Protein backbone atom coordinates (compact mmCIF):
# COMPACT_ATOMS: atom_id res chain seq x y z
CA UNK A 1 -17.63 -4.91 -14.62
CA UNK A 2 -19.60 -3.45 -17.63
CA UNK A 3 -19.24 0.10 -17.33
CA UNK A 4 -23.03 0.12 -16.84
CA UNK A 5 -23.70 2.75 -13.99
CA UNK A 6 -26.01 1.76 -11.34
CA UNK A 7 -27.62 3.77 -8.64
CA UNK A 8 -27.34 3.21 -4.78
CA UNK A 9 -29.19 4.37 -2.26
CA UNK A 10 -27.26 5.05 0.84
CA UNK A 11 -27.61 6.30 4.31
CA UNK A 12 -25.02 8.29 5.80
CA UNK A 13 -25.75 9.95 9.22
CA UNK A 14 -29.55 9.57 8.88
CA UNK A 15 -29.59 11.35 5.30
CA UNK A 16 -30.26 9.10 2.31
CA UNK A 17 -28.01 9.73 -0.81
CA UNK A 18 -28.35 8.18 -4.31
CA UNK A 19 -24.92 7.35 -5.51
CA UNK A 20 -24.51 6.85 -9.21
CA UNK A 21 -21.33 4.62 -9.82
CA UNK A 22 -20.08 1.77 -11.98
CA UNK A 23 -19.15 -0.40 -9.23
CA UNK A 24 -21.24 -3.17 -7.82
CA UNK A 25 -23.92 -2.06 -5.14
CA UNK A 26 -22.75 -4.08 -2.56
CA UNK A 27 -19.07 -2.35 -2.63
CA UNK A 28 -20.97 1.12 -2.71
CA UNK A 29 -22.90 0.10 0.57
CA UNK A 30 -19.80 -1.03 2.38
CA UNK A 31 -17.77 2.30 1.47
CA UNK A 32 -20.96 4.36 2.43
CA UNK A 33 -21.21 2.47 5.84
CA UNK A 34 -17.08 3.54 6.28
CA UNK A 35 -18.09 6.94 5.94
CA UNK A 36 -20.96 6.99 8.22
CA UNK A 37 -18.92 5.00 10.85
CA UNK A 38 -16.24 7.71 10.51
CA UNK A 39 -18.55 10.73 10.39
CA UNK A 40 -19.86 9.10 13.77
CA UNK A 41 -16.62 9.51 15.39
CA UNK A 42 -16.40 12.87 14.91
CA UNK A 43 -16.58 14.36 18.71
CA UNK A 44 -20.24 15.30 19.81
CA UNK A 45 -18.94 18.86 20.44
CA UNK A 46 -18.27 18.90 16.55
CA UNK A 47 -21.60 17.19 15.77
CA UNK A 48 -23.41 20.35 17.52
CA UNK A 49 -22.16 22.38 14.41
CA UNK A 50 -23.71 21.62 10.72
CA UNK A 51 -23.44 18.29 8.96
CA UNK A 52 -21.13 20.27 6.36
CA UNK A 53 -18.40 20.67 9.26
CA UNK A 54 -18.92 16.94 10.31
CA UNK A 55 -18.26 15.70 6.79
CA UNK A 56 -15.30 18.14 5.94
CA UNK A 57 -13.46 16.87 9.10
CA UNK A 58 -14.21 13.11 8.27
CA UNK A 59 -12.76 13.77 4.66
CA UNK A 60 -9.64 15.15 6.26
CA UNK A 61 -9.35 12.28 8.49
CA UNK A 62 -9.91 9.61 5.69
CA UNK A 63 -7.58 11.59 3.56
CA UNK A 64 -5.03 11.29 6.15
CA UNK A 65 -5.63 7.43 6.25
CA UNK A 66 -5.37 7.42 2.54
CA UNK A 67 -2.05 9.65 2.93
CA UNK A 68 -0.37 7.46 5.34
CA UNK A 69 -1.26 4.05 3.31
CA UNK A 70 0.20 5.84 0.22
CA UNK A 71 3.33 6.58 2.25
CA UNK A 72 3.62 3.18 3.47
CA UNK A 73 3.24 1.52 -0.10
CA UNK A 74 5.80 4.13 -1.09
CA UNK A 75 8.10 3.14 1.45
CA UNK A 76 7.79 -0.58 0.86
CA UNK A 77 8.46 0.21 -2.92
CA UNK A 78 11.24 2.13 -2.10
CA UNK A 79 12.64 -0.80 0.17
CA UNK A 80 12.00 -3.35 -2.40
CA UNK A 81 14.04 -1.21 -5.21
CA UNK A 82 17.14 -1.02 -2.55
CA UNK A 83 16.85 -4.94 -2.18
CA UNK A 84 16.90 -5.21 -6.01
CA UNK A 85 20.16 -2.87 -6.13
CA UNK A 86 21.68 -4.83 -3.82
CA UNK A 87 20.75 -8.16 -5.50
CA UNK A 88 22.03 -6.93 -8.54
CA UNK A 89 25.05 -5.53 -6.87
CA UNK A 90 25.84 -9.28 -5.43
CA UNK A 91 25.04 -10.68 -9.00
CA UNK A 92 27.80 -8.13 -10.56
CA UNK A 93 30.44 -8.84 -7.87
CA UNK A 94 29.81 -12.66 -8.50
CA UNK A 95 30.28 -12.18 -12.12
CA UNK A 96 33.46 -10.28 -11.65
CA UNK A 97 34.50 -13.04 -9.33
CA UNK A 98 33.85 -15.62 -12.00
CA UNK A 99 35.67 -13.90 -14.66
CA UNK A 100 38.51 -13.31 -12.57
CA UNK A 101 41.16 -15.89 -13.16
CA UNK A 102 41.99 -18.86 -11.09
CA UNK A 103 45.34 -18.51 -8.93
CA UNK A 104 47.12 -21.77 -9.66
CA UNK A 105 48.03 -23.88 -6.46
CA UNK A 106 51.63 -24.03 -5.07
CA UNK A 107 51.81 -28.11 -5.57
CA UNK A 108 54.26 -28.19 -2.65
CA UNK A 109 51.24 -26.63 -0.41
CA UNK A 110 48.35 -28.55 -1.63
CA UNK A 111 45.87 -29.49 1.02
CA UNK A 112 45.43 -33.17 1.17
CA UNK A 113 42.71 -33.02 3.50
CA UNK A 114 40.27 -31.64 1.38
CA UNK A 115 37.06 -33.56 0.68
CA UNK A 116 36.56 -32.22 -2.93
């Protein structure tokens, strides 16, 4: 986008909020709808309390989701890194094998059944 801020009006738990952002208005609406949905998932006993309490509990739940997703990503990166290390080790070993002199064969023990 061109760094121009837009104001998008969103509705979360029955309250309208003007959101200024550089992102696309449709994206902001989707994010707001997600927050609204998550806030409505807070147990009814908690909703009898203030909207602030519901918002804080929702923020904690969303932060938990984000944290778990980041941990999965980090585990994936570590796994890929380990695979890269294994590949590098195999390449190093292959290079060592290719650099090693080939042992001379005993002419009397040559296998005549070879196809190569």
